[in-house]
Every structure is written in structure tokens, then in C-alpha cells.
Amino acid sequence: PQYWANHVRQPVWFQKAMETVLAMDPAPELVLEIGPHSSLVGPTLQGVGGETAKVLPVLIRKGSMALTLLQTLGTLFEAGYGVDFGVHFDDDVQFKVEGDL
């Protein structure tokens, strides 16, 4: 509860976060937006130079959570990034999607 209270009351340091990311990689090819919806895709594209970067949302409001995540994972795979769930889950884990946002 305290996390969410602070989240609502305190400013979000988006610009500072983008500066930190760009200091590590001035021209990223891919940026993942991890949040409840894709509200920061536009500002992120502006921050990283939208001509070359692709911003991938993990969730989209009122969209299918499973479809959005699978599309994002597919884009990562096509770009040559590996997706290894086995690092975090046992082989017998089954995933269940509970609905959309």
C-alpha cells in the first residue's frame, strides 16, 4: 500500500530515467515499456529518436494481455533476442491468462 501511495503523490522522473537509459546506449534499437498500458510509447520514441528505435509495450489498455505480450516476445525473437522462461520457472509451470486490462 505504501508504494502506491507514494506513486500517486510523488512525481515520476521520466526524463531522468530516459537520460539514464540513453547514457548507457545513445541509440537503442528496442525499448520495452513495462507498465499497465502503452502511454509512454510516444514520449519514449521522442526521447530515443524514433527513426531507428522501436518501443515495445508489454501491455495495452483494453487489449488482449496475452496477444500483446506474445507480439512483443515475437518482435524480440525476430530481432535476435532470446526469451528463456526456464530461467525463472520450472519445466512443469503452466501459464494462465486471467483476462484483459
C-alpha atoms as a PDB file:
ATOM      1  CA  PRO A   1       0.000   0.000   0.000  1.00  0.00           C
ATOM      2  CA  GLN A   2       2.778   2.490   0.783  1.00  0.00           C
ATOM      3  CA  TYR A   3       4.315   2.013  -2.669  1.00  0.00           C
ATOM      4  CA  TRP A   4       1.074   3.023  -4.390  1.00  0.00           C
ATOM      5  CA  ALA A   5       0.516   5.941  -2.026  1.00  0.00           C
ATOM      6  CA  ASN A   6       3.984   7.233  -2.873  1.00  0.00           C
ATOM      7  CA  HIS A   7       3.437   6.551  -6.572  1.00  0.00           C
ATOM      8  CA  VAL A   8       0.354   8.772  -6.640  1.00  0.00           C
ATOM      9  CA  ARG A   9       1.833  11.575  -4.517  1.00  0.00           C
ATOM     10  CA  GLN A  10       5.352  11.839  -5.877  1.00  0.00           C
ATOM     11  CA  PRO A  11       6.497  12.919  -9.350  1.00  0.00           C
ATOM     12  CA  VAL A  12       7.539  10.413 -11.965  1.00  0.00           C
ATOM     13  CA  TRP A  13      11.066  11.096 -13.193  1.00  0.00           C
ATOM     14  CA  PHE A  14      10.560  10.026 -16.811  1.00  0.00           C
ATOM     15  CA  GLN A  15      13.104  12.422 -18.304  1.00  0.00           C
ATOM     16  CA  LYS A  16      15.765  11.420 -15.783  1.00  0.00           C
ATOM     17  CA  ALA A  17      15.071   7.746 -16.485  1.00  0.00           C
ATOM     18  CA  MET A  18      15.401   8.322 -20.244  1.00  0.00           C
ATOM     19  CA  GLU A  19      18.691  10.185 -19.726  1.00  0.00           C
ATOM     20  CA  THR A  20      19.988   7.227 -17.714  1.00  0.00           C
ATOM     21  CA  VAL A  21      18.986   4.758 -20.448  1.00  0.00           C
ATOM     22  CA  LEU A  22      20.498   6.896 -23.194  1.00  0.00           C
ATOM     23  CA  ALA A  23      23.736   7.307 -21.224  1.00  0.00           C
ATOM     24  CA  MET A  24      24.108   3.507 -21.361  1.00  0.00           C
ATOM     25  CA  ASP A  25      23.089   3.264 -25.033  1.00  0.00           C
ATOM     26  CA  PRO A  26      22.637   6.516 -27.014  1.00  0.00           C
ATOM     27  CA  ALA A  27      20.822   4.762 -29.884  1.00  0.00           C
ATOM     28  CA  PRO A  28      18.880   1.727 -28.629  1.00  0.00           C
ATOM     29  CA  GLU A  29      17.216  -0.443 -31.241  1.00  0.00           C
ATOM     30  CA  LEU A  30      14.495  -1.663 -28.882  1.00  0.00           C
ATOM     31  CA  VAL A  31      12.994  -0.287 -25.691  1.00  0.00           C
ATOM     32  CA  LEU A  32      10.466  -2.245 -23.610  1.00  0.00           C
ATOM     33  CA  GLU A  33       7.726  -0.258 -21.935  1.00  0.00           C
ATOM     34  CA  ILE A  34       6.716  -2.216 -18.874  1.00  0.00           C
ATOM     35  CA  GLY A  35       3.543  -0.765 -17.409  1.00  0.00           C
ATOM     36  CA  PRO A  36      -0.224  -1.196 -17.263  1.00  0.00           C
ATOM     37  CA  HIS A  37      -0.694   0.367 -20.713  1.00  0.00           C
ATOM     38  CA  SER A  38       1.295   1.931 -23.524  1.00  0.00           C
ATOM     39  CA  SER A  39       1.004   5.592 -22.510  1.00  0.00           C
ATOM     40  CA  LEU A  40       4.745   6.268 -22.705  1.00  0.00           C
ATOM     41  CA  VAL A  41       5.414   4.869 -26.183  1.00  0.00           C
ATOM     42  CA  GLY A  42       5.197   8.340 -27.814  1.00  0.00           C
ATOM     43  CA  PRO A  43       7.393  10.178 -25.303  1.00  0.00           C
ATOM     44  CA  THR A  44       9.864   7.290 -25.342  1.00  0.00           C
ATOM     45  CA  LEU A  45      10.114   7.430 -29.142  1.00  0.00           C
ATOM     46  CA  GLN A  46      10.770  11.169 -28.928  1.00  0.00           C
ATOM     47  CA  GLY A  47      13.425  10.609 -26.288  1.00  0.00           C
ATOM     48  CA  VAL A  48      15.340   7.876 -28.117  1.00  0.00           C
ATOM     49  CA  GLY A  49      14.946   9.193 -31.656  1.00  0.00           C
ATOM     50  CA  GLY A  50      12.005   7.425 -33.235  1.00  0.00           C
ATOM     51  CA  GLU A  51      13.671   6.987 -36.625  1.00  0.00           C
ATOM     52  CA  THR A  52      15.705   3.976 -35.531  1.00  0.00           C
ATOM     53  CA  ALA A  53      14.250   2.781 -32.235  1.00  0.00           C
ATOM     54  CA  LYS A  54      11.241   0.568 -31.704  1.00  0.00           C
ATOM     55  CA  VAL A  55       9.316   0.864 -28.437  1.00  0.00           C
ATOM     56  CA  LEU A  56       7.518  -2.322 -27.464  1.00  0.00           C
ATOM     57  CA  PRO A  57       4.690  -2.172 -24.937  1.00  0.00           C
ATOM     58  CA  VAL A  58       4.204  -5.219 -22.747  1.00  0.00           C
ATOM     59  CA  LEU A  59       0.539  -4.349 -22.064  1.00  0.00           C
ATOM     60  CA  ILE A  60      -2.018  -2.224 -23.900  1.00  0.00           C
ATOM     61  CA  ARG A  61      -5.132  -0.937 -22.143  1.00  0.00           C
ATOM     62  CA  LYS A  62      -8.299  -2.716 -23.287  1.00  0.00           C
ATOM     63  CA  GLY A  63      -6.181  -5.048 -25.400  1.00  0.00           C
ATOM     64  CA  SER A  64      -5.514  -8.714 -25.025  1.00  0.00           C
ATOM     65  CA  MET A  65      -2.741  -9.168 -22.457  1.00  0.00           C
ATOM     66  CA  ALA A  66      -1.722 -12.496 -23.947  1.00  0.00           C
ATOM     67  CA  LEU A  67      -1.696 -11.221 -27.536  1.00  0.00           C
ATOM     68  CA  THR A  68       0.264  -8.069 -26.687  1.00  0.00           C
ATOM     69  CA  LEU A  69       2.853  -9.994 -24.707  1.00  0.00           C
ATOM     70  CA  LEU A  70       3.198 -12.626 -27.432  1.00  0.00           C
ATOM     71  CA  GLN A  71       3.590  -9.933 -30.110  1.00  0.00           C
ATOM     72  CA  THR A  72       6.273  -8.239 -28.025  1.00  0.00           C
ATOM     73  CA  LEU A  73       8.087 -11.526 -27.437  1.00  0.00           C
ATOM     74  CA  GLY A  74       7.818 -12.317 -31.155  1.00  0.00           C
ATOM     75  CA  THR A  75       9.327  -8.963 -32.078  1.00  0.00           C
ATOM     76  CA  LEU A  76      12.173  -9.549 -29.620  1.00  0.00           C
ATOM     77  CA  PHE A  77      12.749 -13.014 -31.093  1.00  0.00           C
ATOM     78  CA  GLU A  78      12.756 -11.655 -34.670  1.00  0.00           C
ATOM     79  CA  ALA A  79      15.340  -9.067 -33.594  1.00  0.00           C
ATOM     80  CA  GLY A  80      17.597 -11.849 -32.353  1.00  0.00           C
ATOM     81  CA  TYR A  81      16.890 -11.709 -28.626  1.00  0.00           C
ATOM     82  CA  GLY A  82      16.330 -14.970 -26.796  1.00  0.00           C
ATOM     83  CA  VAL A  83      13.365 -15.458 -24.494  1.00  0.00           C
ATOM     84  CA  ASP A  84      14.094 -18.053 -21.821  1.00  0.00           C
ATOM     85  CA  PHE A  85      11.273 -18.610 -19.331  1.00  0.00           C
ATOM     86  CA  GLY A  86      13.171 -21.607 -17.968  1.00  0.00           C
ATOM     87  CA  VAL A  87      15.487 -19.231 -16.104  1.00  0.00           C
ATOM     88  CA  HIS A  88      12.584 -18.202 -13.864  1.00  0.00           C
ATOM     89  CA  PHE A  89      10.160 -21.125 -13.966  1.00  0.00           C
ATOM     90  CA  ASP A  90      10.267 -24.884 -13.513  1.00  0.00           C
ATOM     91  CA  ASP A  91       9.559 -27.027 -16.559  1.00  0.00           C
ATOM     92  CA  ASP A  92       6.143 -28.053 -15.249  1.00  0.00           C
ATOM     93  CA  VAL A  93       4.787 -24.495 -14.758  1.00  0.00           C
ATOM     94  CA  GLN A  94       1.652 -23.712 -16.746  1.00  0.00           C
ATOM     95  CA  PHE A  95       0.631 -20.134 -17.524  1.00  0.00           C
ATOM     96  CA  LYS A  96      -2.933 -18.906 -17.246  1.00  0.00           C
ATOM     97  CA  VAL A  97      -4.176 -15.554 -18.565  1.00  0.00           C
ATOM     98  CA  GLU A  98      -6.972 -14.153 -16.409  1.00  0.00           C
ATOM     99  CA  GLY A  99      -8.434 -11.532 -18.774  1.00  0.00           C
ATOM    100  CA  ASP A 100      -7.734  -8.171 -20.363  1.00  0.00           C
ATOM    101  CA  LEU A 101      -6.969  -4.748 -18.932  1.00  0.00           C
END
